[in-house]
Amino acid sequence: MNTLDHIVANSKVMSLKHKIDEKYWAKYYRTKLKNVLAVAHRDGGQYTATHGIEKSTKDAIQIIANAIVK
């Protein structure tokens, strides 16, 4: 195997590793977001499961804003 073949093979391995890392971190941060939303909604994640992350996030912002103002 020549140097160019090594570079191409290494590039493919690094590309695959990067994709695996992206999936890992996306799942990690999605879980963290769901945990924060569950705390804001004072449930075990049922609100987010029912309404989706976008609505749950919007409503959580309102809940937190209202709590700060009080």
PDB file of N, CA and C in Angstrom:
ATOM      1  N   MET A   1       0.857  -1.170   0.000  1.00  0.00           N
ATOM      2  CA  MET A   1       0.000   0.000   0.000  1.00  0.00           C
ATOM      3  C   MET A   1       0.905   1.236   0.000  1.00  0.00           C
ATOM      4  N   ASN A   2       0.628   2.134  -0.917  1.00  0.00           N
ATOM      5  CA  ASN A   2       1.460   3.334  -0.976  1.00  0.00           C
ATOM      6  C   ASN A   2       0.919   4.422  -0.046  1.00  0.00           C
ATOM      7  N   THR A   3       1.624   5.525   0.009  1.00  0.00           N
ATOM      8  CA  THR A   3       1.276   6.614   0.921  1.00  0.00           C
ATOM      9  C   THR A   3      -0.118   7.169   0.626  1.00  0.00           C
ATOM     10  N   LEU A   4      -0.446   7.312  -0.655  1.00  0.00           N
ATOM     11  CA  LEU A   4      -1.751   7.840  -1.030  1.00  0.00           C
ATOM     12  C   LEU A   4      -2.867   6.906  -0.550  1.00  0.00           C
ATOM     13  N   ASP A   5      -2.665   5.594  -0.684  1.00  0.00           N
ATOM     14  CA  ASP A   5      -3.656   4.628  -0.200  1.00  0.00           C
ATOM     15  C   ASP A   5      -3.837   4.746   1.315  1.00  0.00           C
ATOM     16  N   HIS A   6      -2.772   4.952   2.039  1.00  0.00           N
ATOM     17  CA  HIS A   6      -2.838   5.141   3.491  1.00  0.00           C
ATOM     18  C   HIS A   6      -3.638   6.398   3.837  1.00  0.00           C
ATOM     19  N   ILE A   7      -3.379   7.463   3.093  1.00  0.00           N
ATOM     20  CA  ILE A   7      -4.086   8.723   3.349  1.00  0.00           C
ATOM     21  C   ILE A   7      -5.581   8.558   3.094  1.00  0.00           C
ATOM     22  N   VAL A   8      -5.930   7.907   1.983  1.00  0.00           N
ATOM     23  CA  VAL A   8      -7.341   7.688   1.642  1.00  0.00           C
ATOM     24  C   VAL A   8      -8.007   6.800   2.687  1.00  0.00           C
ATOM     25  N   ALA A   9      -7.349   5.712   3.084  1.00  0.00           N
ATOM     26  CA  ALA A   9      -7.910   4.797   4.083  1.00  0.00           C
ATOM     27  C   ALA A   9      -8.077   5.513   5.416  1.00  0.00           C
ATOM     28  N   ASN A  10      -7.080   6.273   5.822  1.00  0.00           N
ATOM     29  CA  ASN A  10      -7.147   7.009   7.085  1.00  0.00           C
ATOM     30  C   ASN A  10      -8.260   8.054   7.030  1.00  0.00           C
ATOM     31  N   SER A  11      -8.428   8.689   5.885  1.00  0.00           N
ATOM     32  CA  SER A  11      -9.475   9.689   5.708  1.00  0.00           C
ATOM     33  C   SER A  11     -10.856   9.057   5.873  1.00  0.00           C
ATOM     34  N   LYS A  12     -11.037   7.864   5.326  1.00  0.00           N
ATOM     35  CA  LYS A  12     -12.322   7.162   5.445  1.00  0.00           C
ATOM     36  C   LYS A  12     -12.603   6.780   6.898  1.00  0.00           C
ATOM     37  N   VAL A  13     -11.577   6.329   7.594  1.00  0.00           N
ATOM     38  CA  VAL A  13     -11.730   5.969   9.007  1.00  0.00           C
ATOM     39  C   VAL A  13     -12.089   7.203   9.821  1.00  0.00           C
ATOM     40  N   MET A  14     -11.406   8.312   9.584  1.00  0.00           N
ATOM     41  CA  MET A  14     -11.681   9.540  10.325  1.00  0.00           C
ATOM     42  C   MET A  14     -13.081  10.070  10.013  1.00  0.00           C
ATOM     43  N   SER A  15     -13.511   9.931   8.751  1.00  0.00           N
ATOM     44  CA  SER A  15     -14.854  10.365   8.373  1.00  0.00           C
ATOM     45  C   SER A  15     -15.906   9.549   9.109  1.00  0.00           C
ATOM     46  N   LEU A  16     -15.707   8.245   9.187  1.00  0.00           N
ATOM     47  CA  LEU A  16     -16.633   7.374   9.911  1.00  0.00           C
ATOM     48  C   LEU A  16     -16.626   7.708  11.397  1.00  0.00           C
ATOM     49  N   LYS A  17     -15.445   7.921  11.958  1.00  0.00           N
ATOM     50  CA  LYS A  17     -15.341   8.280  13.374  1.00  0.00           C
ATOM     51  C   LYS A  17     -16.070   9.588  13.643  1.00  0.00           C
ATOM     52  N   HIS A  18     -15.946  10.548  12.747  1.00  0.00           N
ATOM     53  CA  HIS A  18     -16.616  11.838  12.908  1.00  0.00           C
ATOM     54  C   HIS A  18     -18.137  11.657  12.898  1.00  0.00           C
ATOM     55  N   LYS A  19     -18.639  10.810  12.013  1.00  0.00           N
ATOM     56  CA  LYS A  19     -20.080  10.551  11.961  1.00  0.00           C
ATOM     57  C   LYS A  19     -20.562   9.890  13.246  1.00  0.00           C
ATOM     58  N   ILE A  20     -19.784   8.963  13.770  1.00  0.00           N
ATOM     59  CA  ILE A  20     -20.140   8.297  15.025  1.00  0.00           C
ATOM     60  C   ILE A  20     -20.139   9.313  16.159  1.00  0.00           C
ATOM     61  N   ASP A  21     -19.116  10.174  16.208  1.00  0.00           N
ATOM     62  CA  ASP A  21     -19.044  11.214  17.236  1.00  0.00           C
ATOM     63  C   ASP A  21     -20.230  12.162  17.147  1.00  0.00           C
ATOM     64  N   GLU A  22     -20.621  12.559  15.935  1.00  0.00           N
ATOM     65  CA  GLU A  22     -21.763  13.455  15.750  1.00  0.00           C
ATOM     66  C   GLU A  22     -23.036  12.821  16.301  1.00  0.00           C
ATOM     67  N   LYS A  23     -23.248  11.558  15.994  1.00  0.00           N
ATOM     68  CA  LYS A  23     -24.447  10.864  16.474  1.00  0.00           C
ATOM     69  C   LYS A  23     -24.431  10.763  17.999  1.00  0.00           C
ATOM     70  N   TYR A  24     -23.273  10.453  18.550  1.00  0.00           N
ATOM     71  CA  TYR A  24     -23.156  10.342  19.998  1.00  0.00           C
ATOM     72  C   TYR A  24     -23.505  11.665  20.663  1.00  0.00           C
ATOM     73  N   TRP A  25     -22.891  12.755  20.195  1.00  0.00           N
ATOM     74  CA  TRP A  25     -23.108  14.055  20.829  1.00  0.00           C
ATOM     75  C   TRP A  25     -24.517  14.567  20.583  1.00  0.00           C
ATOM     76  N   ALA A  26     -25.089  14.299  19.416  1.00  0.00           N
ATOM     77  CA  ALA A  26     -26.472  14.708  19.160  1.00  0.00           C
ATOM     78  C   ALA A  26     -27.414  14.019  20.138  1.00  0.00           C
ATOM     79  N   LYS A  27     -27.217  12.730  20.347  1.00  0.00           N
ATOM     80  CA  LYS A  27     -28.048  11.987  21.298  1.00  0.00           C
ATOM     81  C   LYS A  27     -27.814  12.487  22.723  1.00  0.00           C
ATOM     82  N   TYR A  28     -26.560  12.739  23.063  1.00  0.00           N
ATOM     83  CA  TYR A  28     -26.203  13.212  24.402  1.00  0.00           C
ATOM     84  C   TYR A  28     -26.910  14.534  24.718  1.00  0.00           C
ATOM     85  N   TYR A  29     -26.804  15.508  23.806  1.00  0.00           N
ATOM     86  CA  TYR A  29     -27.398  16.814  24.059  1.00  0.00           C
ATOM     87  C   TYR A  29     -28.919  16.790  23.952  1.00  0.00           C
ATOM     88  N   ARG A  30     -29.466  15.936  23.126  1.00  0.00           N
ATOM     89  CA  ARG A  30     -30.922  15.789  23.052  1.00  0.00           C
ATOM     90  C   ARG A  30     -31.447  15.267  24.391  1.00  0.00           C
ATOM     91  N   THR A  31     -30.745  14.321  24.980  1.00  0.00           N
ATOM     92  CA  THR A  31     -31.133  13.792  26.288  1.00  0.00           C
ATOM     93  C   THR A  31     -31.053  14.877  27.353  1.00  0.00           C
ATOM     94  N   LYS A  32     -29.986  15.666  27.320  1.00  0.00           N
ATOM     95  CA  LYS A  32     -29.844  16.763  28.290  1.00  0.00           C
ATOM     96  C   LYS A  32     -30.978  17.772  28.133  1.00  0.00           C
ATOM     97  N   LEU A  33     -31.325  18.128  26.905  1.00  0.00           N
ATOM     98  CA  LEU A  33     -32.425  19.049  26.656  1.00  0.00           C
ATOM     99  C   LEU A  33     -33.735  18.486  27.194  1.00  0.00           C
ATOM    100  N   LYS A  34     -33.985  17.210  26.938  1.00  0.00           N
ATOM    101  CA  LYS A  34     -35.210  16.590  27.442  1.00  0.00           C
ATOM    102  C   LYS A  34     -35.259  16.617  28.964  1.00  0.00           C
ATOM    103  N   ASN A  35     -34.123  16.428  29.612  1.00  0.00           N
ATOM    104  CA  ASN A  35     -34.081  16.487  31.076  1.00  0.00           C
ATOM    105  C   ASN A  35     -34.418  17.884  31.587  1.00  0.00           C
ATOM    106  N   VAL A  36     -33.871  18.908  30.954  1.00  0.00           N
ATOM    107  CA  VAL A  36     -34.162  20.282  31.357  1.00  0.00           C
ATOM    108  C   VAL A  36     -35.644  20.592  31.140  1.00  0.00           C
ATOM    109  N   LEU A  37     -36.196  20.150  30.030  1.00  0.00           N
ATOM    110  CA  LEU A  37     -37.616  20.377  29.755  1.00  0.00           C
ATOM    111  C   LEU A  37     -38.494  19.663  30.782  1.00  0.00           C
ATOM    112  N   ALA A  38     -38.116  18.464  31.167  1.00  0.00           N
ATOM    113  CA  ALA A  38     -38.879  17.724  32.180  1.00  0.00           C
ATOM    114  C   ALA A  38     -38.882  18.476  33.507  1.00  0.00           C
ATOM    115  N   VAL A  39     -37.762  19.081  33.855  1.00  0.00           N
ATOM    116  CA  VAL A  39     -37.698  19.862  35.095  1.00  0.00           C
ATOM    117  C   VAL A  39     -38.592  21.099  34.971  1.00  0.00           C
ATOM    118  N   ALA A  40     -38.510  21.793  33.859  1.00  0.00           N
ATOM    119  CA  ALA A  40     -39.317  23.004  33.667  1.00  0.00           C
ATOM    120  C   ALA A  40     -40.809  22.689  33.717  1.00  0.00           C
ATOM    121  N   HIS A  41     -41.197  21.579  33.129  1.00  0.00           N
ATOM    122  CA  HIS A  41     -42.617  21.192  33.092  1.00  0.00           C
ATOM    123  C   HIS A  41     -43.041  20.410  34.331  1.00  0.00           C
ATOM    124  N   ARG A  42     -42.080  20.120  35.203  1.00  0.00           N
ATOM    125  CA  ARG A  42     -42.337  19.386  36.438  1.00  0.00           C
ATOM    126  C   ARG A  42     -43.027  18.052  36.177  1.00  0.00           C
ATOM    127  N   ASP A  43     -42.492  17.333  35.201  1.00  0.00           N
ATOM    128  CA  ASP A  43     -42.995  15.990  34.911  1.00  0.00           C
ATOM    129  C   ASP A  43     -41.812  15.100  34.552  1.00  0.00           C
ATOM    130  N   GLY A  44     -42.058  13.922  34.136  1.00  0.00           N
ATOM    131  CA  GLY A  44     -40.979  13.005  33.787  1.00  0.00           C
ATOM    132  C   GLY A  44     -40.701  12.965  32.298  1.00  0.00           C
ATOM    133  N   GLY A  45     -41.093  14.037  31.601  1.00  0.00           N
ATOM    134  CA  GLY A  45     -40.885  14.090  30.160  1.00  0.00           C
ATOM    135  C   GLY A  45     -42.143  13.831  29.352  1.00  0.00           C
ATOM    136  N   GLN A  46     -43.271  13.653  30.040  1.00  0.00           N
ATOM    137  CA  GLN A  46     -44.516  13.355  29.342  1.00  0.00           C
ATOM    138  C   GLN A  46     -44.972  14.516  28.456  1.00  0.00           C
ATOM    139  N   TYR A  47     -44.804  15.754  28.936  1.00  0.00           N
ATOM    140  CA  TYR A  47     -45.230  16.917  28.150  1.00  0.00           C
ATOM    141  C   TYR A  47     -44.479  16.956  26.820  1.00  0.00           C
ATOM    142  N   THR A  48     -43.178  16.770  26.880  1.00  0.00           N
ATOM    143  CA  THR A  48     -42.365  16.781  25.664  1.00  0.00           C
ATOM    144  C   THR A  48     -42.730  15.623  24.752  1.00  0.00           C
ATOM    145  N   ALA A  49     -42.965  14.453  25.330  1.00  0.00           N
ATOM    146  CA  ALA A  49     -43.340  13.284  24.531  1.00  0.00           C
ATOM    147  C   ALA A  49     -44.668  13.512  23.809  1.00  0.00           C
ATOM    148  N   THR A  50     -45.576  14.205  24.467  1.00  0.00           N
ATOM    149  CA  THR A  50     -46.894  14.454  23.881  1.00  0.00           C
ATOM    150  C   THR A  50     -46.869  15.572  22.849  1.00  0.00           C
ATOM    151  N   HIS A  51     -46.176  16.672  23.162  1.00  0.00           N
ATOM    152  CA  HIS A  51     -46.248  17.880  22.332  1.00  0.00           C
ATOM    153  C   HIS A  51     -45.035  18.112  21.430  1.00  0.00           C
ATOM    154  N   GLY A  52     -43.967  17.384  21.641  1.00  0.00           N
ATOM    155  CA  GLY A  52     -42.769  17.573  20.826  1.00  0.00           C
ATOM    156  C   GLY A  52     -41.812  18.578  21.447  1.00  0.00           C
ATOM    157  N   ILE A  53     -40.572  18.510  21.023  1.00  0.00           N
ATOM    158  CA  ILE A  53     -39.516  19.340  21.609  1.00  0.00           C
ATOM    159  C   ILE A  53     -39.734  20.827  21.325  1.00  0.00           C
ATOM    160  N   GLU A  54     -40.155  21.170  20.118  1.00  0.00           N
ATOM    161  CA  GLU A  54     -40.305  22.585  19.772  1.00  0.00           C
ATOM    162  C   GLU A  54     -41.344  23.275  20.656  1.00  0.00           C
ATOM    163  N   LYS A  55     -42.548  22.712  20.777  1.00  0.00           N
ATOM    164  CA  LYS A  55     -43.589  23.315  21.617  1.00  0.00           C
ATOM    165  C   LYS A  55     -43.193  23.246  23.084  1.00  0.00           C
ATOM    166  N   SER A  56     -42.620  22.143  23.488  1.00  0.00           N
ATOM    167  CA  SER A  56     -42.198  21.986  24.875  1.00  0.00           C
ATOM    168  C   SER A  56     -41.162  23.039  25.250  1.00  0.00           C
ATOM    169  N   THR A  57     -40.230  23.309  24.361  1.00  0.00           N
ATOM    170  CA  THR A  57     -39.205  24.325  24.608  1.00  0.00           C
ATOM    171  C   THR A  57     -39.827  25.712  24.711  1.00  0.00           C
ATOM    172  N   LYS A  58     -40.704  26.035  23.768  1.00  0.00           N
ATOM    173  CA  LYS A  58     -41.384  27.332  23.776  1.00  0.00           C
ATOM    174  C   LYS A  58     -42.154  27.525  25.083  1.00  0.00           C
ATOM    175  N   ASP A  59     -42.894  26.512  25.480  1.00  0.00           N
ATOM    176  CA  ASP A  59     -43.673  26.611  26.711  1.00  0.00           C
ATOM    177  C   ASP A  59     -42.782  26.655  27.949  1.00  0.00           C
ATOM    178  N   ALA A  60     -41.677  25.951  27.931  1.00  0.00           N
ATOM    179  CA  ALA A  60     -40.741  25.965  29.063  1.00  0.00           C
ATOM    180  C   ALA A  60     -40.124  27.356  29.233  1.00  0.00           C
ATOM    181  N   ILE A  61     -39.819  28.001  28.137  1.00  0.00           N
ATOM    182  CA  ILE A  61     -39.287  29.372  28.214  1.00  0.00           C
ATOM    183  C   ILE A  61     -40.306  30.280  28.900  1.00  0.00           C
ATOM    184  N   GLN A  62     -41.565  30.122  28.546  1.00  0.00           N
ATOM    185  CA  GLN A  62     -42.619  30.934  29.161  1.00  0.00           C
ATOM    186  C   GLN A  62     -42.762  30.619  30.657  1.00  0.00           C
ATOM    187  N   ILE A  63     -42.690  29.354  30.987  1.00  0.00           N
ATOM    188  CA  ILE A  63     -42.776  28.933  32.406  1.00  0.00           C
ATOM    189  C   ILE A  63     -41.635  29.559  33.204  1.00  0.00           C
ATOM    190  N   ILE A  64     -40.449  29.496  32.674  1.00  0.00           N
ATOM    191  CA  ILE A  64     -39.271  30.038  33.380  1.00  0.00           C
ATOM    192  C   ILE A  64     -39.351  31.555  33.459  1.00  0.00           C
ATOM    193  N   ALA A  65     -39.784  32.210  32.395  1.00  0.00           N
ATOM    194  CA  ALA A  65     -39.932  33.670  32.405  1.00  0.00           C
ATOM    195  C   ALA A  65     -40.950  34.100  33.452  1.00  0.00           C
ATOM    196  N   ASN A  66     -42.047  33.399  33.527  1.00  0.00           N
ATOM    197  CA  ASN A  66     -43.078  33.720  34.525  1.00  0.00           C
ATOM    198  C   ASN A  66     -42.554  33.524  35.943  1.00  0.00           C
ATOM    199  N   ALA A  67     -41.761  32.495  36.151  1.00  0.00           N
ATOM    200  CA  ALA A  67     -41.196  32.231  37.480  1.00  0.00           C
ATOM    201  C   ALA A  67     -40.204  33.322  37.883  1.00  0.00           C
ATOM    202  N   ILE A  68     -39.471  33.849  36.928  1.00  0.00           N
ATOM    203  CA  ILE A  68     -38.498  34.906  37.215  1.00  0.00           C
ATOM    204  C   ILE A  68     -39.211  36.201  37.573  1.00  0.00           C
ATOM    205  N   VAL A  69     -40.299  36.498  36.885  1.00  0.00           N
ATOM    206  CA  VAL A  69     -41.032  37.744  37.098  1.00  0.00           C
ATOM    207  C   VAL A  69     -41.722  37.758  38.446  1.00  0.00           C
ATOM    208  N   LYS A  70     -42.163  36.612  38.919  1.00  0.00           N
ATOM    209  CA  LYS A  70     -42.905  36.540  40.185  1.00  0.00           C
ATOM    210  C   LYS A  70     -42.064  36.895  41.347  1.00  0.00           C
TER     211      LYS A  70
END
